[in-house]
Amino acid sequence: MNVLGIIASGVAALFITVALAKSARRVALRPHVPNEPGGRAPRAEALRRTGGATVVLGVGTATGVALWLGAAGSVGGLLAGAGIVAALGLVHDLKPLRTALRLGVQIAAATLVVCLAGLPPAAGVLAALWIVLVTNAFALLDHADGLLTAVGLVTAAGLLTCALVGGAPALALLPTTLVAGLAGFLLHTWHPARLRLGAAGAQFTGFALAASGALIQAAAPSGRAAWAALPALATVALADSALVLISRRRAARSPLRDTDDHIAHRLRRVRVTVPGAAVLTALWAAVPVATGTLVYADLLHPAWLLLPLAGTAAAVFALLRIPAYAPPRTAPPRTGSSRTTPSRTAAARRTQTSGVGAAIPAAASAPGAKASAPGQGAPAARTAAGHPTVPPPPTGRPAAEAAAAAAERG
């Protein structure tokens, strides 16, 4: 396939992605979209998460048409594997899947790519493992608005240049359509994001970049330092994964439980805006991508790759010093007064009231005791159960005669 056909495929991918993303954005932002039953997230949010399907359709349609028109090479297997991974991601967007299942499907898709490319067994195994690793590393970059889209755009441009320089225009087809598709989607996923790549778009982008890099390296002419140049294009994605794994290991957290400890999250904690974090990360990715491309084109010695790698290691070390997890909450010390519960307080009040009620009748029944007049504030006599007592009617006789009369009646 010539360069003119590659450019035409890129333009087609751009227009298809822009048209589909505009329609999806209009549907997702429609105000009368009802909520799902059962207290789930609104349907509009689900539509925003599946916005990456527009990139998949735009890139896949343009690449498929080019294949139908006669594009040679192993692009068909590459597109098939990326489509399988994208379908898996779309299902994951609608209903989360287990990690083991997703890894199994990704390994199967990577195996399909390397088998259709005709790689030797040893090189095929290494290429499949590399594809799965880089796919998930790029997918983890989808943690901030516009971040993965910008980094993927820079990386795809580097792969496109390497494919053209290495004399493999067929392998430049998918990076070209991916550059166009991500460029058309960038305005919709920029902060504040109206659409998101989601698992479908993120895994499709990561798989397309990883598989294209592996095949370009396998097809590189002898004498080129492809073994060192092309892996450098995934430096930022691998740095983010290393940052996350190291920090979670230090904090004794599960490495599979996603939380706010990625590159953009730490940049936000030092007062960097969301668009600023995307721009800084894209510029960070541009340094190893440009260096790797120049090394692949034999314009720089492979030793120059040590500079961006050393800078990346220093950046990861600096980001590790930014706290990513909130300190554990400590319970306030319990004092003696705080241990008193309402039930115990009420019981104490009832006990105190019953004790006072038991003492008052004895004092009222003493000889010569007078009843308090109403309104004088004197407490009324009560029984042990708390009920008011009724004094006996006055008889005018002494207490001894009253007791004798009661004994005679008994």
Protein backbone atom coordinates (compact mmCIF):
# COMPACT_ATOMS: atom_id res chain seq x y z
CA MET A 1 0.00 0.00 0.00
CA ASN A 2 1.41 3.38 -0.99
CA VAL A 3 1.65 6.52 1.09
CA LEU A 4 -1.33 8.13 -0.65
CA GLY A 5 -3.59 5.26 0.38
CA ILE A 6 -2.35 5.50 3.97
CA ILE A 7 -3.14 9.22 4.05
CA ALA A 8 -6.61 8.58 2.61
CA SER A 9 -7.27 5.95 5.29
CA GLY A 10 -6.22 8.40 7.99
CA VAL A 11 -8.55 11.10 6.68
CA ALA A 12 -11.42 8.60 6.54
CA ALA A 13 -10.75 7.50 10.12
CA LEU A 14 -10.75 11.13 11.25
CA PHE A 15 -14.09 11.99 9.68
CA ILE A 16 -15.79 8.77 10.79
CA THR A 17 -14.61 9.20 14.39
CA VAL A 18 -15.64 12.85 14.52
CA ALA A 19 -19.12 12.09 13.16
CA LEU A 20 -19.71 9.15 15.50
CA ALA A 21 -18.33 10.97 18.55
CA LYS A 22 -20.53 13.98 17.88
CA SER A 23 -23.63 11.78 17.70
CA ALA A 24 -22.64 9.86 20.83
CA ARG A 25 -21.99 13.08 22.69
CA ARG A 26 -25.39 14.44 21.71
CA VAL A 27 -27.12 11.29 22.97
CA ALA A 28 -25.05 11.11 26.18
CA LEU A 29 -25.74 14.74 27.10
CA ARG A 30 -29.43 14.57 26.34
CA PRO A 31 -31.18 15.90 29.47
CA HIS A 32 -34.15 13.54 29.42
CA VAL A 33 -32.09 10.32 29.64
CA PRO A 34 -33.67 8.44 32.61
CA ASN A 35 -31.80 6.58 35.29
CA GLU A 36 -31.50 2.85 35.28
CA PRO A 37 -33.74 0.86 37.66
CA GLY A 38 -32.33 -0.55 40.84
CA GLY A 39 -30.37 2.54 41.86
CA ARG A 40 -27.66 2.08 39.23
CA ALA A 41 -25.66 4.81 37.54
CA PRO A 42 -27.49 6.97 35.04
CA ARG A 43 -27.58 5.75 31.47
CA ALA A 44 -25.91 8.96 30.34
CA GLU A 45 -22.82 8.06 32.38
CA ALA A 46 -22.78 4.59 30.83
CA LEU A 47 -22.94 6.19 27.38
CA ARG A 48 -20.01 8.45 28.25
CA ARG A 49 -17.94 5.45 29.36
CA THR A 50 -18.57 3.67 26.06
CA GLY A 51 -17.52 6.70 24.01
CA GLY A 52 -14.31 4.91 23.08
CA ALA A 53 -16.37 2.67 20.80
CA THR A 54 -16.48 5.59 18.36
CA VAL A 55 -12.68 5.44 18.06
CA VAL A 56 -12.84 1.68 17.57
CA LEU A 57 -15.46 2.01 14.82
CA GLY A 58 -13.70 4.89 13.09
CA VAL A 59 -10.25 3.28 13.10
CA GLY A 60 -11.58 -0.20 12.38
CA THR A 61 -13.76 0.92 9.46
CA ALA A 62 -11.01 2.92 7.77
CA THR A 63 -8.46 0.14 8.25
CA GLY A 64 -10.90 -2.54 7.11
CA VAL A 65 -11.70 -0.67 3.92
CA ALA A 66 -7.99 -0.32 3.20
CA LEU A 67 -7.55 -4.07 3.73
CA TRP A 68 -10.46 -4.77 1.39
CA LEU A 69 -8.83 -2.58 -1.24
CA GLY A 70 -5.68 -4.68 -1.10
CA ALA A 71 -3.43 -3.68 1.80
CA ALA A 72 -0.85 -6.41 2.25
CA GLY A 73 1.01 -7.65 5.27
CA SER A 74 -0.16 -8.83 8.70
CA VAL A 75 -2.47 -5.88 9.30
CA GLY A 76 -5.52 -8.14 9.14
CA GLY A 77 -4.45 -10.20 12.15
CA LEU A 78 -3.46 -7.06 14.02
CA LEU A 79 -6.89 -5.50 13.43
CA ALA A 80 -8.66 -8.75 14.38
CA GLY A 81 -6.79 -8.99 17.69
CA ALA A 82 -7.47 -5.34 18.50
CA GLY A 83 -11.15 -5.85 17.68
CA ILE A 84 -11.38 -8.83 20.05
CA VAL A 85 -9.83 -6.83 22.87
CA ALA A 86 -12.13 -3.88 22.15
CA ALA A 87 -15.22 -6.11 22.29
CA LEU A 88 -14.01 -7.47 25.63
CA GLY A 89 -13.57 -3.94 26.92
CA LEU A 90 -17.05 -2.93 25.81
CA VAL A 91 -18.54 -5.84 27.76
CA HIS A 92 -16.42 -4.81 30.75
CA ASP A 93 -17.79 -1.25 30.51
CA LEU A 94 -21.35 -2.55 30.76
CA LYS A 95 -20.71 -5.36 33.25
CA PRO A 96 -17.31 -5.66 35.00
CA LEU A 97 -15.43 -8.87 34.26
CA ARG A 98 -12.83 -10.73 36.27
CA THR A 99 -9.17 -9.97 35.73
CA ALA A 100 -8.32 -13.58 34.87
CA LEU A 101 -10.90 -13.63 32.08
CA ARG A 102 -9.65 -10.37 30.59
CA LEU A 103 -6.03 -11.54 30.69
CA GLY A 104 -6.98 -14.82 29.04
CA VAL A 105 -8.73 -13.07 26.16
CA GLN A 106 -5.82 -10.64 25.74
CA ILE A 107 -3.33 -13.51 25.60
CA ALA A 108 -5.48 -15.25 22.99
CA ALA A 109 -5.69 -12.09 20.87
CA ALA A 110 -1.93 -11.51 21.12
CA THR A 111 -1.28 -15.13 20.14
CA LEU A 112 -3.51 -14.67 17.11
CA VAL A 113 -1.51 -11.63 16.03
CA VAL A 114 1.91 -13.26 16.34
CA CYS A 115 0.72 -16.47 14.64
CA LEU A 116 -0.72 -14.62 11.64
CA ALA A 117 2.48 -12.55 11.47
CA GLY A 118 4.53 -15.76 11.13
CA LEU A 119 6.94 -15.09 13.99
CA PRO A 120 9.21 -17.90 15.25
CA PRO A 121 8.02 -19.66 18.43
CA ALA A 122 10.50 -18.03 20.82
CA ALA A 123 10.04 -14.57 19.35
CA GLY A 124 6.28 -15.13 19.22
CA VAL A 125 6.06 -15.94 22.93
CA LEU A 126 8.08 -12.87 23.86
CA ALA A 127 6.02 -10.70 21.51
CA ALA A 128 2.73 -12.00 22.95
CA LEU A 129 3.84 -11.31 26.53
CA TRP A 130 5.04 -7.85 25.54
CA ILE A 131 1.72 -7.07 23.83
CA VAL A 132 -0.30 -8.08 26.91
CA LEU A 133 1.98 -6.10 29.25
CA VAL A 134 1.96 -2.90 27.20
CA THR A 135 -1.78 -3.16 26.50
CA ASN A 136 -2.60 -3.08 30.19
CA ALA A 137 0.03 -0.41 30.87
CA PHE A 138 -1.56 1.94 28.33
CA ALA A 139 -5.06 1.08 29.57
CA LEU A 140 -4.06 2.21 33.07
CA LEU A 141 -3.34 5.68 31.69
CA ASP A 142 -7.07 6.23 31.24
CA HIS A 143 -7.39 7.76 34.72
CA ALA A 144 -7.70 11.43 33.77
CA ASP A 145 -9.47 13.44 31.09
CA GLY A 146 -7.52 13.42 27.83
CA LEU A 147 -4.44 11.70 29.27
CA LEU A 148 -4.47 8.40 27.38
CA THR A 149 -5.70 10.10 24.20
CA ALA A 150 -2.79 12.56 24.21
CA VAL A 151 -0.14 9.96 25.11
CA GLY A 152 -1.55 7.48 22.58
CA LEU A 153 -1.50 10.16 19.90
CA VAL A 154 2.19 10.87 20.51
CA THR A 155 3.11 7.18 20.62
CA ALA A 156 1.17 6.33 17.46
CA ALA A 157 2.92 9.15 15.63
CA GLY A 158 6.28 7.66 16.63
CA LEU A 159 5.24 4.19 15.46
CA LEU A 160 4.05 5.67 12.15
CA THR A 161 7.41 7.31 11.59
CA CYS A 162 9.31 4.13 12.46
CA ALA A 163 7.19 2.07 10.05
CA LEU A 164 7.77 4.49 7.19
CA VAL A 165 11.49 4.77 7.92
CA GLY A 166 11.85 0.99 8.14
CA GLY A 167 10.22 0.46 4.77
CA ALA A 168 7.02 -1.24 6.04
CA PRO A 169 4.14 0.94 4.78
CA ALA A 170 1.59 -1.78 5.44
CA LEU A 171 2.45 -1.71 9.15
CA ALA A 172 2.04 2.08 9.09
CA LEU A 173 -1.65 1.74 8.22
CA LEU A 174 -3.02 1.08 11.73
CA PRO A 175 -0.82 3.72 13.45
CA THR A 176 -2.00 6.26 10.85
CA THR A 177 -5.69 5.56 11.38
CA LEU A 178 -5.12 5.46 15.13
CA VAL A 179 -3.49 8.91 15.06
CA ALA A 180 -6.46 10.25 13.10
CA GLY A 181 -9.05 8.58 15.33
CA LEU A 182 -7.47 9.78 18.57
CA ALA A 183 -7.11 13.29 17.17
CA GLY A 184 -10.81 13.35 16.30
CA PHE A 185 -11.75 12.09 19.75
CA LEU A 186 -9.41 14.36 21.72
CA LEU A 187 -11.78 17.34 21.90
CA HIS A 188 -14.56 15.18 23.35
CA THR A 189 -12.38 13.61 26.06
CA TRP A 190 -10.55 16.82 27.01
CA HIS A 191 -11.37 18.26 30.43
CA PRO A 192 -14.23 18.46 31.23
CA ALA A 193 -14.74 15.20 29.35
CA ARG A 194 -18.05 14.74 27.56
CA LEU A 195 -17.04 11.25 26.42
CA ARG A 196 -14.53 8.78 27.81
CA LEU A 197 -12.47 6.08 26.15
CA GLY A 198 -13.58 3.53 28.71
CA ALA A 199 -12.24 -0.01 28.74
CA ALA A 200 -13.15 -0.55 25.08
CA GLY A 201 -11.24 2.44 23.72
CA ALA A 202 -8.37 2.17 26.22
CA GLN A 203 -7.66 -1.52 25.58
CA PHE A 204 -8.08 -1.09 21.82
CA THR A 205 -5.58 1.80 21.84
CA GLY A 206 -3.09 -0.06 24.03
CA PHE A 207 -3.34 -3.27 22.01
CA ALA A 208 -2.98 -1.48 18.68
CA LEU A 209 0.11 0.39 19.90
CA ALA A 210 1.73 -2.67 21.50
CA ALA A 211 1.04 -5.05 18.61
CA SER A 212 2.13 -2.49 16.00
CA GLY A 213 5.39 -1.94 17.88
CA ALA A 214 6.04 -5.67 18.14
CA LEU A 215 5.42 -6.28 14.43
CA ILE A 216 7.45 -3.23 13.36
CA GLN A 217 10.34 -4.49 15.47
CA ALA A 218 10.04 -7.98 13.94
CA ALA A 219 10.02 -6.51 10.41
CA ALA A 220 12.88 -4.06 11.04
CA PRO A 221 15.86 -4.34 8.69
CA SER A 222 19.01 -5.84 10.09
CA GLY A 223 21.39 -3.30 11.49
CA ARG A 224 18.75 -1.09 13.06
CA ALA A 225 18.58 -0.85 16.84
CA ALA A 226 14.89 -1.74 16.91
CA TRP A 227 15.37 -3.90 20.01
CA ALA A 228 16.15 -0.74 22.01
CA ALA A 229 14.27 1.95 20.12
CA LEU A 230 10.72 0.59 19.93
CA PRO A 231 10.36 -0.47 23.59
CA ALA A 232 11.32 3.09 24.55
CA LEU A 233 8.09 4.33 22.96
CA ALA A 234 6.13 2.78 25.87
CA THR A 235 8.28 4.41 28.56
CA VAL A 236 5.57 6.57 30.16
CA ALA A 237 2.96 3.80 30.23
CA LEU A 238 5.41 1.39 31.87
CA ALA A 239 6.55 4.13 34.28
CA ASP A 240 2.96 4.66 35.43
CA SER A 241 2.53 0.92 36.02
CA ALA A 242 5.80 0.76 37.95
CA LEU A 243 4.78 3.78 40.03
CA VAL A 244 1.48 2.16 40.94
CA LEU A 245 2.96 -1.25 41.79
CA ILE A 246 5.75 0.19 43.94
CA SER A 247 3.47 2.52 45.88
CA ARG A 248 0.87 -0.18 46.51
CA ARG A 249 3.57 -2.60 47.57
CA ARG A 250 4.90 -0.08 50.08
CA ALA A 251 1.42 0.60 51.44
CA ALA A 252 0.56 -3.13 51.64
CA ARG A 253 -2.36 -2.68 49.24
CA SER A 254 -3.67 -5.06 46.60
CA PRO A 255 -1.99 -4.40 43.21
CA LEU A 256 -5.27 -5.15 41.41
CA ARG A 257 -7.40 -2.67 43.34
CA ASP A 258 -7.39 0.60 41.42
CA THR A 259 -7.15 3.81 43.42
CA ASP A 260 -5.96 7.41 43.05
CA ASP A 261 -2.21 6.74 42.91
CA HIS A 262 -1.38 7.22 39.22
CA ILE A 263 0.70 9.96 37.59
CA ALA A 264 -2.12 12.45 37.06
CA HIS A 265 -3.47 11.90 40.59
CA ARG A 266 -0.12 12.80 42.14
CA LEU A 267 0.28 15.81 39.87
CA ARG A 268 -3.14 17.00 41.01
CA ARG A 269 -1.93 16.86 44.62
CA VAL A 270 0.78 19.38 43.81
CA ARG A 271 -1.74 21.86 42.35
CA VAL A 272 -1.44 20.84 38.66
CA THR A 273 -4.72 21.17 36.78
CA VAL A 274 -6.31 18.27 34.91
CA PRO A 275 -5.44 19.67 31.45
CA GLY A 276 -1.98 20.53 32.74
CA ALA A 277 -1.43 16.95 33.88
CA ALA A 278 -2.41 15.65 30.43
CA VAL A 279 -0.09 18.12 28.69
CA LEU A 280 2.85 17.40 31.01
CA THR A 281 2.45 13.64 30.60
CA ALA A 282 2.20 13.95 26.80
CA LEU A 283 5.39 16.05 26.75
CA TRP A 284 7.04 13.50 29.01
CA ALA A 285 6.05 10.76 26.53
CA ALA A 286 7.28 12.81 23.57
CA VAL A 287 10.89 12.76 24.82
CA PRO A 288 11.46 8.96 24.73
CA VAL A 289 9.27 8.64 21.62
CA ALA A 290 11.36 11.19 19.71
CA THR A 291 14.61 9.68 20.99
CA GLY A 292 13.54 6.15 20.08
CA THR A 293 12.43 7.25 16.62
CA LEU A 294 15.76 8.95 15.95
CA VAL A 295 17.64 5.88 17.19
CA TYR A 296 15.51 3.65 14.95
CA ALA A 297 16.33 5.88 11.98
CA ASP A 298 20.08 5.57 12.76
CA LEU A 299 20.34 9.27 13.47
CA LEU A 300 21.33 8.75 17.12
CA HIS A 301 23.38 6.13 18.93
CA PRO A 302 21.35 3.74 21.13
CA ALA A 303 23.22 5.09 24.17
CA TRP A 304 21.14 8.25 23.88
CA LEU A 305 18.16 6.23 25.11
CA LEU A 306 19.73 6.20 28.56
CA LEU A 307 18.91 9.88 29.00
CA PRO A 308 15.10 9.60 28.81
CA LEU A 309 15.21 6.38 30.82
CA ALA A 310 17.22 8.07 33.57
CA GLY A 311 14.88 11.06 33.53
CA THR A 312 11.89 8.74 33.78
CA ALA A 313 13.41 6.91 36.74
CA ALA A 314 14.05 10.24 38.48
CA ALA A 315 10.47 11.35 37.78
CA VAL A 316 9.05 8.13 39.23
CA PHE A 317 11.21 8.57 42.34
CA ALA A 318 9.97 12.15 42.74
CA LEU A 319 6.34 11.10 42.27
CA LEU A 320 6.72 8.40 44.91
CA ARG A 321 7.48 11.11 47.46
CA ILE A 322 4.06 12.67 46.87
CA PRO A 323 1.58 11.06 49.31
CA ALA A 324 -1.08 9.14 47.43
CA TYR A 325 -3.08 7.56 50.25
CA ALA A 326 -4.92 9.20 53.10
CA PRO A 327 -3.57 8.36 56.58
CA PRO A 328 -5.64 5.81 58.50
CA ARG A 329 -8.24 7.25 60.81
CA THR A 330 -7.59 6.80 64.54
CA ALA A 331 -10.47 6.52 67.00
CA PRO A 332 -10.57 9.23 69.70
CA PRO A 333 -9.62 8.08 73.21
CA ARG A 334 -12.60 6.96 75.26
CA THR A 335 -12.90 8.72 78.60
CA GLY A 336 -14.99 7.70 81.60
CA SER A 337 -17.73 10.22 80.82
CA SER A 338 -17.94 9.11 77.19
CA ARG A 339 -18.52 5.50 78.18
CA THR A 340 -21.84 6.37 79.82
CA THR A 341 -24.59 5.27 77.49
CA PRO A 342 -28.07 6.82 77.34
CA SER A 343 -29.64 3.61 78.62
CA ARG A 344 -27.37 3.58 81.68
CA THR A 345 -28.10 7.26 82.35
CA ALA A 346 -31.85 6.67 82.21
CA ALA A 347 -31.53 3.67 84.52
CA ALA A 348 -29.59 5.75 87.02
CA ARG A 349 -32.23 8.45 86.93
CA ARG A 350 -35.00 5.91 87.55
CA THR A 351 -33.06 4.42 90.47
CA GLN A 352 -32.52 7.85 91.98
CA THR A 353 -36.20 8.71 91.59
CA SER A 354 -37.36 5.45 93.16
CA GLY A 355 -35.04 5.97 96.12
CA VAL A 356 -36.40 9.45 96.75
CA GLY A 357 -39.98 8.19 96.45
CA ALA A 358 -39.37 5.46 99.00
CA ALA A 359 -38.02 7.92 101.57
CA ILE A 360 -40.73 10.55 101.24
CA PRO A 361 -43.72 8.42 102.41
CA ALA A 362 -41.86 7.47 105.57
CA ALA A 363 -41.33 11.09 106.42
CA ALA A 364 -44.93 11.95 105.59
CA SER A 365 -46.31 9.18 107.84
CA ALA A 366 -44.38 10.38 110.85
CA PRO A 367 -46.44 11.75 113.70
CA GLY A 368 -47.16 15.44 113.38
CA ALA A 369 -46.16 15.60 109.71
CA LYS A 370 -48.05 18.08 107.60
CA ALA A 371 -48.98 17.76 103.97
CA SER A 372 -47.52 20.38 101.66
CA ALA A 373 -49.94 22.73 100.06
CA PRO A 374 -50.29 22.72 96.30
CA GLY A 375 -47.97 25.10 94.51
CA GLN A 376 -45.37 25.29 97.30
CA GLY A 377 -42.78 23.30 95.34
CA ALA A 378 -42.55 20.40 97.80
CA PRO A 379 -42.20 17.02 96.05
CA ALA A 380 -45.18 14.70 96.26
CA ALA A 381 -44.77 11.34 97.98
CA ARG A 382 -44.31 8.40 95.59
CA THR A 383 -44.12 4.64 95.88
CA ALA A 384 -41.18 2.47 94.92
CA ALA A 385 -42.76 2.01 91.48
CA GLY A 386 -42.87 5.79 91.00
CA HIS A 387 -46.66 6.28 91.48
CA PRO A 388 -47.95 9.08 93.77
CA THR A 389 -49.18 7.93 97.19
CA VAL A 390 -52.62 8.78 98.63
CA PRO A 391 -52.41 9.80 102.34
CA PRO A 392 -55.05 8.31 104.75
CA PRO A 393 -57.92 10.58 105.84
CA PRO A 394 -57.38 12.41 109.14
CA THR A 395 -59.12 10.68 112.09
CA GLY A 396 -58.19 13.08 114.89
CA ARG A 397 -57.05 10.13 117.07
CA PRO A 398 -53.51 9.45 118.18
CA ALA A 399 -51.42 7.00 116.25
CA ALA A 400 -51.55 4.36 119.03
CA GLU A 401 -55.37 4.35 119.13
CA ALA A 402 -55.49 4.13 115.35
CA ALA A 403 -53.18 1.14 115.43
CA ALA A 404 -55.29 -0.60 118.12
CA ALA A 405 -58.47 -0.03 116.13
CA ALA A 406 -56.84 -1.50 113.06
CA ALA A 407 -55.77 -4.54 115.07
CA GLU A 408 -59.32 -5.08 116.35
CA ARG A 409 -60.69 -4.85 112.80
CA GLY A 410 -58.10 -7.34 111.64
